[in-house]
Amino acid sequence: LTEEHLKQAVTEACVLTDDEFLAKAREKEVLDGSTMIIGLLFPDDSKPGADGSKIKGRCRLLIANLGDSRAVLCRSQGGRLSAVRLSDDHKPGRADERRRIEAKGGVVDMQG
């Protein structure tokens, strides 16, 4: 189980879900979309200990973000809480995001 395998599996699952959603949306002639955040906690055996053995209990977190969703982690350090951004917002007002949407045949319609 590697990070690359997980990324590939998540990407494939998202593409399949998106394709199915778009097919149904076209049938109903709607322009709706969807959003998603997924967090996968998986064992990290990529960095062995000093003696070459696997370090038990070490994990990594893979975040996938589709659409207008946000992942934030609350961290406690020294009795203080802080928020840690885990994803970048996919806001259609961002120039790069608007270009990506339009390049795929989508439309950005900013209301209000």
PDB file of N, CA and C in Angstrom:
ATOM      1  N   LEU A   1       0.857  -1.184   0.000  1.00  0.00           N
ATOM      2  CA  LEU A   1       0.000   0.000   0.000  1.00  0.00           C
ATOM      3  C   LEU A   1       0.894   1.236   0.000  1.00  0.00           C
ATOM      4  N   THR A   2       0.893   1.951  -1.110  1.00  0.00           N
ATOM      5  CA  THR A   2       1.736   3.140  -1.203  1.00  0.00           C
ATOM      6  C   THR A   2       0.866   4.369  -1.410  1.00  0.00           C
ATOM      7  N   GLU A   3       1.458   5.525  -1.186  1.00  0.00           N
ATOM      8  CA  GLU A   3       0.733   6.778  -1.402  1.00  0.00           C
ATOM      9  C   GLU A   3       0.300   6.897  -2.859  1.00  0.00           C
ATOM     10  N   GLU A   4       1.155   6.488  -3.784  1.00  0.00           N
ATOM     11  CA  GLU A   4       0.806   6.566  -5.211  1.00  0.00           C
ATOM     12  C   GLU A   4      -0.385   5.675  -5.550  1.00  0.00           C
ATOM     13  N   HIS A   5      -0.430   4.466  -4.971  1.00  0.00           N
ATOM     14  CA  HIS A   5      -1.571   3.575  -5.206  1.00  0.00           C
ATOM     15  C   HIS A   5      -2.853   4.194  -4.657  1.00  0.00           C
ATOM     16  N   LEU A   6      -2.767   4.777  -3.472  1.00  0.00           N
ATOM     17  CA  LEU A   6      -3.950   5.427  -2.890  1.00  0.00           C
ATOM     18  C   LEU A   6      -4.411   6.604  -3.743  1.00  0.00           C
ATOM     19  N   LYS A   7      -3.470   7.435  -4.188  1.00  0.00           N
ATOM     20  CA  LYS A   7      -3.832   8.570  -5.045  1.00  0.00           C
ATOM     21  C   LYS A   7      -4.523   8.091  -6.316  1.00  0.00           C
ATOM     22  N   GLN A   8      -3.978   7.036  -6.918  1.00  0.00           N
ATOM     23  CA  GLN A   8      -4.556   6.497  -8.144  1.00  0.00           C
ATOM     24  C   GLN A   8      -5.963   5.958  -7.885  1.00  0.00           C
ATOM     25  N   ALA A   9      -6.148   5.225  -6.790  1.00  0.00           N
ATOM     26  CA  ALA A   9      -7.458   4.657  -6.459  1.00  0.00           C
ATOM     27  C   ALA A   9      -8.483   5.762  -6.200  1.00  0.00           C
ATOM     28  N   VAL A  10      -8.093   6.790  -5.466  1.00  0.00           N
ATOM     29  CA  VAL A  10      -9.002   7.904  -5.182  1.00  0.00           C
ATOM     30  C   VAL A  10      -9.350   8.643  -6.471  1.00  0.00           C
ATOM     31  N   THR A  11      -8.359   8.891  -7.309  1.00  0.00           N
ATOM     32  CA  THR A  11      -8.597   9.582  -8.577  1.00  0.00           C
ATOM     33  C   THR A  11      -9.574   8.789  -9.440  1.00  0.00           C
ATOM     34  N   GLU A  12      -9.342   7.477  -9.565  1.00  0.00           N
ATOM     35  CA  GLU A  12     -10.226   6.639 -10.373  1.00  0.00           C
ATOM     36  C   GLU A  12     -11.643   6.610  -9.814  1.00  0.00           C
ATOM     37  N   ALA A  13     -11.783   6.501  -8.502  1.00  0.00           N
ATOM     38  CA  ALA A  13     -13.107   6.489  -7.880  1.00  0.00           C
ATOM     39  C   ALA A  13     -13.830   7.815  -8.115  1.00  0.00           C
ATOM     40  N   CYS A  14     -13.099   8.921  -8.019  1.00  0.00           N
ATOM     41  CA  CYS A  14     -13.702  10.240  -8.232  1.00  0.00           C
ATOM     42  C   CYS A  14     -14.133  10.422  -9.685  1.00  0.00           C
ATOM     43  N   VAL A  15     -13.307   9.967 -10.616  1.00  0.00           N
ATOM     44  CA  VAL A  15     -13.659  10.078 -12.042  1.00  0.00           C
ATOM     45  C   VAL A  15     -14.905   9.248 -12.340  1.00  0.00           C
ATOM     46  N   LEU A  16     -14.961   8.017 -11.834  1.00  0.00           N
ATOM     47  CA  LEU A  16     -16.130   7.173 -12.057  1.00  0.00           C
ATOM     48  C   LEU A  16     -17.393   7.792 -11.458  1.00  0.00           C
ATOM     49  N   THR A  17     -17.279   8.316 -10.248  1.00  0.00           N
ATOM     50  CA  THR A  17     -18.420   8.955  -9.600  1.00  0.00           C
ATOM     51  C   THR A  17     -18.863  10.185 -10.374  1.00  0.00           C
ATOM     52  N   ASP A  18     -17.900  10.982 -10.812  1.00  0.00           N
ATOM     53  CA  ASP A  18     -18.215  12.190 -11.571  1.00  0.00           C
ATOM     54  C   ASP A  18     -18.891  11.842 -12.899  1.00  0.00           C
ATOM     55  N   ASP A  19     -18.368  10.844 -13.586  1.00  0.00           N
ATOM     56  CA  ASP A  19     -18.961  10.421 -14.860  1.00  0.00           C
ATOM     57  C   ASP A  19     -20.411   9.980 -14.666  1.00  0.00           C
ATOM     58  N   GLU A  20     -20.654   9.198 -13.620  1.00  0.00           N
ATOM     59  CA  GLU A  20     -22.017   8.728 -13.346  1.00  0.00           C
ATOM     60  C   GLU A  20     -22.933   9.897 -12.994  1.00  0.00           C
ATOM     61  N   PHE A  21     -22.432  10.808 -12.167  1.00  0.00           N
ATOM     62  CA  PHE A  21     -23.227  11.979 -11.782  1.00  0.00           C
ATOM     63  C   PHE A  21     -23.564  12.828 -13.006  1.00  0.00           C
ATOM     64  N   LEU A  22     -22.559  13.084 -13.854  1.00  0.00           N
ATOM     65  CA  LEU A  22     -22.785  13.908 -15.036  1.00  0.00           C
ATOM     66  C   LEU A  22     -23.775  13.264 -15.996  1.00  0.00           C
ATOM     67  N   ALA A  23     -23.713  11.955 -16.151  1.00  0.00           N
ATOM     68  CA  ALA A  23     -24.658  11.262 -17.023  1.00  0.00           C
ATOM     69  C   ALA A  23     -26.085  11.462 -16.524  1.00  0.00           C
ATOM     70  N   LYS A  24     -26.290  11.328 -15.220  1.00  0.00           N
ATOM     71  CA  LYS A  24     -27.631  11.520 -14.654  1.00  0.00           C
ATOM     72  C   LYS A  24     -28.064  12.978 -14.739  1.00  0.00           C
ATOM     73  N   ALA A  25     -27.122  13.899 -14.522  1.00  0.00           N
ATOM     74  CA  ALA A  25     -27.447  15.322 -14.610  1.00  0.00           C
ATOM     75  C   ALA A  25     -27.865  15.690 -16.034  1.00  0.00           C
ATOM     76  N   ARG A  26     -27.176  15.127 -17.025  1.00  0.00           N
ATOM     77  CA  ARG A  26     -27.536  15.396 -18.431  1.00  0.00           C
ATOM     78  C   ARG A  26     -28.916  14.851 -18.761  1.00  0.00           C
ATOM     79  N   GLU A  27     -29.240  13.658 -18.230  1.00  0.00           N
ATOM     80  CA  GLU A  27     -30.568  13.074 -18.459  1.00  0.00           C
ATOM     81  C   GLU A  27     -31.664  14.019 -17.967  1.00  0.00           C
ATOM     82  N   LYS A  28     -31.405  14.656 -16.841  1.00  0.00           N
ATOM     83  CA  LYS A  28     -32.409  15.544 -16.232  1.00  0.00           C
ATOM     84  C   LYS A  28     -32.241  17.000 -16.669  1.00  0.00           C
ATOM     85  N   GLU A  29     -31.228  17.231 -17.517  1.00  0.00           N
ATOM     86  CA  GLU A  29     -30.933  18.569 -18.038  1.00  0.00           C
ATOM     87  C   GLU A  29     -30.711  19.595 -16.918  1.00  0.00           C
ATOM     88  N   VAL A  30     -29.872  19.207 -15.961  1.00  0.00           N
ATOM     89  CA  VAL A  30     -29.505  20.113 -14.876  1.00  0.00           C
ATOM     90  C   VAL A  30     -28.016  20.436 -14.967  1.00  0.00           C
ATOM     91  N   LEU A  31     -27.627  21.580 -14.448  1.00  0.00           N
ATOM     92  CA  LEU A  31     -26.233  22.007 -14.480  1.00  0.00           C
ATOM     93  C   LEU A  31     -25.597  21.942 -13.089  1.00  0.00           C
ATOM     94  N   ASP A  32     -26.175  21.150 -12.217  1.00  0.00           N
ATOM     95  CA  ASP A  32     -25.674  21.058 -10.853  1.00  0.00           C
ATOM     96  C   ASP A  32     -24.333  20.343 -10.808  1.00  0.00           C
ATOM     97  N   GLY A  33     -23.655  20.516  -9.688  1.00  0.00           N
ATOM     98  CA  GLY A  33     -22.383  19.857  -9.475  1.00  0.00           C
ATOM     99  C   GLY A  33     -22.356  19.226  -8.100  1.00  0.00           C
ATOM    100  N   SER A  34     -21.195  18.828  -7.680  1.00  0.00           N
ATOM    101  CA  SER A  34     -21.057  18.178  -6.394  1.00  0.00           C
ATOM    102  C   SER A  34     -19.712  18.554  -5.782  1.00  0.00           C
ATOM    103  N   THR A  35     -19.584  18.331  -4.492  1.00  0.00           N
ATOM    104  CA  THR A  35     -18.328  18.587  -3.799  1.00  0.00           C
ATOM    105  C   THR A  35     -17.998  17.386  -2.921  1.00  0.00           C
ATOM    106  N   MET A  36     -16.726  17.292  -2.531  1.00  0.00           N
ATOM    107  CA  MET A  36     -16.314  16.175  -1.697  1.00  0.00           C
ATOM    108  C   MET A  36     -14.961  16.473  -1.055  1.00  0.00           C
ATOM    109  N   ILE A  37     -14.828  16.032   0.152  1.00  0.00           N
ATOM    110  CA  ILE A  37     -13.526  15.960   0.830  1.00  0.00           C
ATOM    111  C   ILE A  37     -13.388  14.533   1.325  1.00  0.00           C
ATOM    112  N   ILE A  38     -12.233  13.940   1.077  1.00  0.00           N
ATOM    113  CA  ILE A  38     -11.980  12.610   1.617  1.00  0.00           C
ATOM    114  C   ILE A  38     -10.627  12.655   2.315  1.00  0.00           C
ATOM    115  N   GLY A  39     -10.569  12.055   3.462  1.00  0.00           N
ATOM    116  CA  GLY A  39      -9.317  11.941   4.204  1.00  0.00           C
ATOM    117  C   GLY A  39      -9.023  10.476   4.465  1.00  0.00           C
ATOM    118  N   LEU A  40      -7.855  10.022   4.028  1.00  0.00           N
ATOM    119  CA  LEU A  40      -7.461   8.633   4.238  1.00  0.00           C
ATOM    120  C   LEU A  40      -6.211   8.594   5.109  1.00  0.00           C
ATOM    121  N   LEU A  41      -6.339   7.977   6.242  1.00  0.00           N
ATOM    122  CA  LEU A  41      -5.210   7.789   7.152  1.00  0.00           C
ATOM    123  C   LEU A  41      -4.626   6.408   6.854  1.00  0.00           C
ATOM    124  N   PHE A  42      -3.351   6.362   6.515  1.00  0.00           N
ATOM    125  CA  PHE A  42      -2.749   5.088   6.131  1.00  0.00           C
ATOM    126  C   PHE A  42      -1.371   4.944   6.763  1.00  0.00           C
ATOM    127  N   PRO A  43      -0.936   3.679   6.955  1.00  0.00           N
ATOM    128  CA  PRO A  43       0.367   3.433   7.585  1.00  0.00           C
ATOM    129  C   PRO A  43       1.500   4.003   6.740  1.00  0.00           C
ATOM    130  N   ASP A  44       2.471   4.554   7.391  1.00  0.00           N
ATOM    131  CA  ASP A  44       3.636   5.118   6.702  1.00  0.00           C
ATOM    132  C   ASP A  44       4.845   4.227   6.964  1.00  0.00           C
ATOM    133  N   ASP A  45       5.101   3.321   6.004  1.00  0.00           N
ATOM    134  CA  ASP A  45       6.294   2.490   6.162  1.00  0.00           C
ATOM    135  C   ASP A  45       7.373   2.933   5.198  1.00  0.00           C
ATOM    136  N   SER A  46       7.276   4.170   4.709  1.00  0.00           N
ATOM    137  CA  SER A  46       8.258   4.637   3.730  1.00  0.00           C
ATOM    138  C   SER A  46       9.584   5.027   4.375  1.00  0.00           C
ATOM    139  N   LYS A  47       9.558   5.357   5.652  1.00  0.00           N
ATOM    140  CA  LYS A  47      10.795   5.783   6.328  1.00  0.00           C
ATOM    141  C   LYS A  47      11.098   4.833   7.477  1.00  0.00           C
ATOM    142  N   PRO A  48      12.060   3.958   7.288  1.00  0.00           N
ATOM    143  CA  PRO A  48      12.402   3.019   8.357  1.00  0.00           C
ATOM    144  C   PRO A  48      13.119   3.725   9.508  1.00  0.00           C
ATOM    145  N   GLY A  49      13.112   3.061  10.648  1.00  0.00           N
ATOM    146  CA  GLY A  49      13.813   3.593  11.808  1.00  0.00           C
ATOM    147  C   GLY A  49      15.320   3.530  11.605  1.00  0.00           C
ATOM    148  N   ALA A  50      16.065   3.995  12.584  1.00  0.00           N
ATOM    149  CA  ALA A  50      17.531   4.043  12.491  1.00  0.00           C
ATOM    150  C   ALA A  50      18.136   2.663  12.262  1.00  0.00           C
ATOM    151  N   ASP A  51      17.473   1.621  12.790  1.00  0.00           N
ATOM    152  CA  ASP A  51      17.996   0.263  12.629  1.00  0.00           C
ATOM    153  C   ASP A  51      17.446  -0.439  11.375  1.00  0.00           C
ATOM    154  N   GLY A  52      16.683   0.294  10.555  1.00  0.00           N
ATOM    155  CA  GLY A  52      16.143  -0.270   9.323  1.00  0.00           C
ATOM    156  C   GLY A  52      14.784  -0.925   9.483  1.00  0.00           C
ATOM    157  N   SER A  53      14.307  -1.037  10.729  1.00  0.00           N
ATOM    158  CA  SER A  53      13.005  -1.676  10.956  1.00  0.00           C
ATOM    159  C   SER A  53      11.865  -0.668  10.740  1.00  0.00           C
ATOM    160  N   LYS A  54      10.667  -1.210  10.519  1.00  0.00           N
ATOM    161  CA  LYS A  54       9.492  -0.356  10.347  1.00  0.00           C
ATOM    162  C   LYS A  54       9.098   0.256  11.694  1.00  0.00           C
ATOM    163  N   ILE A  55       8.687   1.494  11.659  1.00  0.00           N
ATOM    164  CA  ILE A  55       8.240   2.171  12.880  1.00  0.00           C
ATOM    165  C   ILE A  55       6.737   1.951  13.010  1.00  0.00           C
ATOM    166  N   LYS A  56       6.301   1.255  14.027  1.00  0.00           N
ATOM    167  CA  LYS A  56       4.881   0.978  14.226  1.00  0.00           C
ATOM    168  C   LYS A  56       4.154   2.233  14.683  1.00  0.00           C
ATOM    169  N   GLY A  57       2.934   2.379  14.182  1.00  0.00           N
ATOM    170  CA  GLY A  57       2.095   3.485  14.621  1.00  0.00           C
ATOM    171  C   GLY A  57       2.266   4.768  13.832  1.00  0.00           C
ATOM    172  N   ARG A  58       3.233   4.817  12.943  1.00  0.00           N
ATOM    173  CA  ARG A  58       3.441   6.023  12.136  1.00  0.00           C
ATOM    174  C   ARG A  58       2.442   6.019  10.977  1.00  0.00           C
ATOM    175  N   CYS A  59       1.725   7.139  10.791  1.00  0.00           N
ATOM    176  CA  CYS A  59       0.701   7.222   9.757  1.00  0.00           C
ATOM    177  C   CYS A  59       0.857   8.494   8.939  1.00  0.00           C
ATOM    178  N   ARG A  60       0.239   8.488   7.761  1.00  0.00           N
ATOM    179  CA  ARG A  60       0.172   9.667   6.895  1.00  0.00           C
ATOM    180  C   ARG A  60      -1.291   9.924   6.582  1.00  0.00           C
ATOM    181  N   LEU A  61      -1.579  11.145   6.168  1.00  0.00           N
ATOM    182  CA  LEU A  61      -2.947  11.534   5.845  1.00  0.00           C
ATOM    183  C   LEU A  61      -2.987  12.032   4.411  1.00  0.00           C
ATOM    184  N   LEU A  62      -3.832  11.422   3.586  1.00  0.00           N
ATOM    185  CA  LEU A  62      -4.039  11.843   2.210  1.00  0.00           C
ATOM    186  C   LEU A  62      -5.387  12.555   2.148  1.00  0.00           C
ATOM    187  N   ILE A  63      -5.388  13.794   1.652  1.00  0.00           N
ATOM    188  CA  ILE A  63      -6.614  14.584   1.510  1.00  0.00           C
ATOM    189  C   ILE A  63      -6.898  14.776   0.035  1.00  0.00           C
ATOM    190  N   ALA A  64      -8.129  14.506  -0.372  1.00  0.00           N
ATOM    191  CA  ALA A  64      -8.576  14.783  -1.742  1.00  0.00           C
ATOM    192  C   ALA A  64      -9.748  15.758  -1.642  1.00  0.00           C
ATOM    193  N   ASN A  65      -9.714  16.765  -2.486  1.00  0.00           N
ATOM    194  CA  ASN A  65     -10.705  17.837  -2.432  1.00  0.00           C
ATOM    195  C   ASN A  65     -11.295  18.045  -3.815  1.00  0.00           C
ATOM    196  N   LEU A  66     -12.601  17.926  -3.936  1.00  0.00           N
ATOM    197  CA  LEU A  66     -13.311  18.196  -5.186  1.00  0.00           C
ATOM    198  C   LEU A  66     -14.371  19.242  -4.929  1.00  0.00           C
ATOM    199  N   GLY A  67     -14.377  20.265  -5.744  1.00  0.00           N
ATOM    200  CA  GLY A  67     -15.423  21.271  -5.620  1.00  0.00           C
ATOM    201  C   GLY A  67     -15.193  22.231  -4.486  1.00  0.00           C
ATOM    202  N   ASP A  68     -16.251  22.847  -4.077  1.00  0.00           N
ATOM    203  CA  ASP A  68     -16.205  23.911  -3.083  1.00  0.00           C
ATOM    204  C   ASP A  68     -16.296  23.318  -1.682  1.00  0.00           C
ATOM    205  N   SER A  69     -15.239  22.656  -1.270  1.00  0.00           N
ATOM    206  CA  SER A  69     -15.167  22.022   0.045  1.00  0.00           C
ATOM    207  C   SER A  69     -13.852  22.398   0.701  1.00  0.00           C
ATOM    208  N   ARG A  70     -13.792  22.230   2.005  1.00  0.00           N
ATOM    209  CA  ARG A  70     -12.588  22.609   2.744  1.00  0.00           C
ATOM    210  C   ARG A  70     -12.326  21.602   3.858  1.00  0.00           C
ATOM    211  N   ALA A  71     -11.057  21.213   4.011  1.00  0.00           N
ATOM    212  CA  ALA A  71     -10.656  20.343   5.110  1.00  0.00           C
ATOM    213  C   ALA A  71      -9.733  21.136   6.033  1.00  0.00           C
ATOM    214  N   VAL A  72     -10.067  21.097   7.323  1.00  0.00           N
ATOM    215  CA  VAL A  72      -9.281  21.813   8.333  1.00  0.00           C
ATOM    216  C   VAL A  72      -9.056  20.861   9.501  1.00  0.00           C
ATOM    217  N   LEU A  73      -7.839  20.847  10.007  1.00  0.00           N
ATOM    218  CA  LEU A  73      -7.482  20.033  11.161  1.00  0.00           C
ATOM    219  C   LEU A  73      -7.345  20.946  12.365  1.00  0.00           C
ATOM    220  N   CYS A  74      -7.913  20.532  13.482  1.00  0.00           N
ATOM    221  CA  CYS A  74      -7.729  21.292  14.723  1.00  0.00           C
ATOM    222  C   CYS A  74      -6.577  20.642  15.481  1.00  0.00           C
ATOM    223  N   ARG A  75      -5.574  21.448  15.796  1.00  0.00           N
ATOM    224  CA  ARG A  75      -4.368  20.948  16.460  1.00  0.00           C
ATOM    225  C   ARG A  75      -4.237  21.608  17.831  1.00  0.00           C
ATOM    226  N   SER A  76      -3.841  20.823  18.798  1.00  0.00           N
ATOM    227  CA  SER A  76      -3.595  21.332  20.146  1.00  0.00           C
ATOM    228  C   SER A  76      -2.102  21.249  20.429  1.00  0.00           C
ATOM    229  N   GLN A  77      -1.486  22.407  20.674  1.00  0.00           N
ATOM    230  CA  GLN A  77      -0.070  22.441  21.029  1.00  0.00           C
ATOM    231  C   GLN A  77       0.100  23.337  22.241  1.00  0.00           C
ATOM    232  N   GLY A  78       0.662  22.777  23.271  1.00  0.00           N
ATOM    233  CA  GLY A  78       0.900  23.553  24.482  1.00  0.00           C
ATOM    234  C   GLY A  78      -0.375  24.135  25.072  1.00  0.00           C
ATOM    235  N   GLY A  79      -1.484  23.411  24.953  1.00  0.00           N
ATOM    236  CA  GLY A  79      -2.745  23.886  25.506  1.00  0.00           C
ATOM    237  C   GLY A  79      -3.474  24.896  24.626  1.00  0.00           C
ATOM    238  N   ARG A  80      -2.906  25.247  23.486  1.00  0.00           N
ATOM    239  CA  ARG A  80      -3.546  26.201  22.567  1.00  0.00           C
ATOM    240  C   ARG A  80      -4.048  25.463  21.338  1.00  0.00           C
ATOM    241  N   LEU A  81      -5.213  25.866  20.864  1.00  0.00           N
ATOM    242  CA  LEU A  81      -5.784  25.269  19.667  1.00  0.00           C
ATOM    243  C   LEU A  81      -5.474  26.131  18.453  1.00  0.00           C
ATOM    244  N   SER A  82      -5.217  25.464  17.351  1.00  0.00           N
ATOM    245  CA  SER A  82      -4.997  26.192  16.104  1.00  0.00           C
ATOM    246  C   SER A  82      -5.599  25.388  14.955  1.00  0.00           C
ATOM    247  N   ALA A  83      -5.951  26.104  13.896  1.00  0.00           N
ATOM    248  CA  ALA A  83      -6.507  25.459  12.709  1.00  0.00           C
ATOM    249  C   ALA A  83      -5.397  25.286  11.678  1.00  0.00           C
ATOM    250  N   VAL A  84      -5.365  24.111  11.053  1.00  0.00           N
ATOM    251  CA  VAL A  84      -4.375  23.811  10.023  1.00  0.00           C
ATOM    252  C   VAL A  84      -5.132  23.489   8.736  1.00  0.00           C
ATOM    253  N   ARG A  85      -4.881  24.283   7.700  1.00  0.00           N
ATOM    254  CA  ARG A  85      -5.534  24.046   6.417  1.00  0.00           C
ATOM    255  C   ARG A  85      -4.972  22.764   5.799  1.00  0.00           C
ATOM    256  N   LEU A  86      -5.873  21.867   5.372  1.00  0.00           N
ATOM    257  CA  LEU A  86      -5.457  20.628   4.739  1.00  0.00           C
ATOM    258  C   LEU A  86      -5.774  20.604   3.246  1.00  0.00           C
ATOM    259  N   SER A  87      -6.522  21.588   2.780  1.00  0.00           N
ATOM    260  CA  SER A  87      -6.893  21.619   1.360  1.00  0.00           C
ATOM    261  C   SER A  87      -6.934  23.061   0.874  1.00  0.00           C
ATOM    262  N   ASP A  88      -6.870  23.215  -0.433  1.00  0.00           N
ATOM    263  CA  ASP A  88      -7.024  24.529  -1.060  1.00  0.00           C
ATOM    264  C   ASP A  88      -8.441  24.626  -1.603  1.00  0.00           C
ATOM    265  N   ASP A  89      -9.091  25.761  -1.375  1.00  0.00           N
ATOM    266  CA  ASP A  89     -10.456  25.957  -1.845  1.00  0.00           C
ATOM    267  C   ASP A  89     -10.506  26.000  -3.366  1.00  0.00           C
ATOM    268  N   HIS A  90     -11.477  25.312  -3.933  1.00  0.00           N
ATOM    269  CA  HIS A  90     -11.702  25.327  -5.382  1.00  0.00           C
ATOM    270  C   HIS A  90     -12.799  26.333  -5.684  1.00  0.00           C
ATOM    271  N   LYS A  91     -12.510  27.589  -5.492  1.00  0.00           N
ATOM    272  CA  LYS A  91     -13.490  28.656  -5.703  1.00  0.00           C
ATOM    273  C   LYS A  91     -13.490  29.076  -7.169  1.00  0.00           C
ATOM    274  N   PRO A  92     -14.658  29.169  -7.794  1.00  0.00           N
ATOM    275  CA  PRO A  92     -14.720  29.556  -9.207  1.00  0.00           C
ATOM    276  C   PRO A  92     -14.256  30.987  -9.453  1.00  0.00           C
ATOM    277  N   GLY A  93     -14.175  31.803  -8.415  1.00  0.00           N
ATOM    278  CA  GLY A  93     -13.678  33.169  -8.558  1.00  0.00           C
ATOM    279  C   GLY A  93     -12.165  33.233  -8.748  1.00  0.00           C
ATOM    280  N   ARG A  94     -11.463  32.154  -8.398  1.00  0.00           N
ATOM    281  CA  ARG A  94     -10.014  32.090  -8.629  1.00  0.00           C
ATOM    282  C   ARG A  94      -9.764  31.966 -10.123  1.00  0.00           C
ATOM    283  N   ALA A  95      -8.849  32.741 -10.652  1.00  0.00           N
ATOM    284  CA  ALA A  95      -8.574  32.731 -12.093  1.00  0.00           C
ATOM    285  C   ALA A  95      -8.175  31.345 -12.585  1.00  0.00           C
ATOM    286  N   ASP A  96      -7.307  30.636 -11.840  1.00  0.00           N
ATOM    287  CA  ASP A  96      -6.871  29.314 -12.289  1.00  0.00           C
ATOM    288  C   ASP A  96      -8.017  28.310 -12.261  1.00  0.00           C
ATOM    289  N   GLU A  97      -8.883  28.437 -11.286  1.00  0.00           N
ATOM    290  CA  GLU A  97     -10.020  27.522 -11.191  1.00  0.00           C
ATOM    291  C   GLU A  97     -11.046  27.802 -12.293  1.00  0.00           C
ATOM    292  N   ARG A  98     -11.270  29.080 -12.567  1.00  0.00           N
ATOM    293  CA  ARG A  98     -12.187  29.443 -13.653  1.00  0.00           C
ATOM    294  C   ARG A  98     -11.673  28.896 -14.990  1.00  0.00           C
ATOM    295  N   ARG A  99     -10.372  29.041 -15.247  1.00  0.00           N
ATOM    296  CA  ARG A  99      -9.781  28.510 -16.484  1.00  0.00           C
ATOM    297  C   ARG A  99      -9.942  26.998 -16.570  1.00  0.00           C
ATOM    298  N   ARG A 100      -9.719  26.314 -15.451  1.00  0.00           N
ATOM    299  CA  ARG A 100      -9.852  24.857 -15.426  1.00  0.00           C
ATOM    300  C   ARG A 100     -11.288  24.442 -15.750  1.00  0.00           C
ATOM    301  N   ILE A 101     -12.260  25.111 -15.135  1.00  0.00           N
ATOM    302  CA  ILE A 101     -13.674  24.796 -15.358  1.00  0.00           C
ATOM    303  C   ILE A 101     -14.051  25.032 -16.815  1.00  0.00           C
ATOM    304  N   GLU A 102     -13.670  26.194 -17.335  1.00  0.00           N
ATOM    305  CA  GLU A 102     -14.030  26.547 -18.710  1.00  0.00           C
ATOM    306  C   GLU A 102     -13.328  25.662 -19.729  1.00  0.00           C
ATOM    307  N   ALA A 103     -12.095  25.237 -19.446  1.00  0.00           N
ATOM    308  CA  ALA A 103     -11.359  24.350 -20.344  1.00  0.00           C
ATOM    309  C   ALA A 103     -12.032  22.997 -20.476  1.00  0.00           C
ATOM    310  N   LYS A 104     -12.786  22.600 -19.452  1.00  0.00           N
ATOM    311  CA  LYS A 104     -13.500  21.320 -19.466  1.00  0.00           C
ATOM    312  C   LYS A 104     -14.920  21.473 -19.992  1.00  0.00           C
ATOM    313  N   GLY A 105     -15.236  22.694 -20.514  1.00  0.00           N
ATOM    314  CA  GLY A 105     -16.571  22.914 -21.072  1.00  0.00           C
ATOM    315  C   GLY A 105     -17.580  23.411 -20.076  1.00  0.00           C
ATOM    316  N   GLY A 106     -17.141  23.716 -18.859  1.00  0.00           N
ATOM    317  CA  GLY A 106     -18.044  24.211 -17.828  1.00  0.00           C
ATOM    318  C   GLY A 106     -18.281  25.703 -17.954  1.00  0.00           C
ATOM    319  N   VAL A 107     -19.211  26.196 -17.164  1.00  0.00           N
ATOM    320  CA  VAL A 107     -19.565  27.606 -17.153  1.00  0.00           C
ATOM    321  C   VAL A 107     -19.488  28.105 -15.718  1.00  0.00           C
ATOM    322  N   VAL A 108     -18.887  29.280 -15.534  1.00  0.00           N
ATOM    323  CA  VAL A 108     -18.857  29.906 -14.227  1.00  0.00           C
ATOM    324  C   VAL A 108     -19.821  31.087 -14.277  1.00  0.00           C
ATOM    325  N   ASP A 109     -20.858  31.030 -13.458  1.00  0.00           N
ATOM    326  CA  ASP A 109     -21.871  32.075 -13.414  1.00  0.00           C
ATOM    327  C   ASP A 109     -21.928  32.596 -11.982  1.00  0.00           C
ATOM    328  N   MET A 110     -21.317  33.748 -11.755  1.00  0.00           N
ATOM    329  CA  MET A 110     -21.260  34.311 -10.403  1.00  0.00           C
ATOM    330  C   MET A 110     -22.544  35.088 -10.133  1.00  0.00           C
ATOM    331  N   GLN A 111     -23.306  34.654  -9.154  1.00  0.00           N
ATOM    332  CA  GLN A 111     -24.567  35.306  -8.777  1.00  0.00           C
ATOM    333  C   GLN A 111     -24.329  36.148  -7.519  1.00  0.00           C
ATOM    334  N   GLY A 112     -24.926  37.334  -7.500  1.00  0.00           N
ATOM    335  CA  GLY A 112     -24.915  38.183  -6.311  1.00  0.00           C
ATOM    336  C   GLY A 112     -23.641  38.761  -6.028  1.00  0.00           C
TER     337      GLY A 112
END
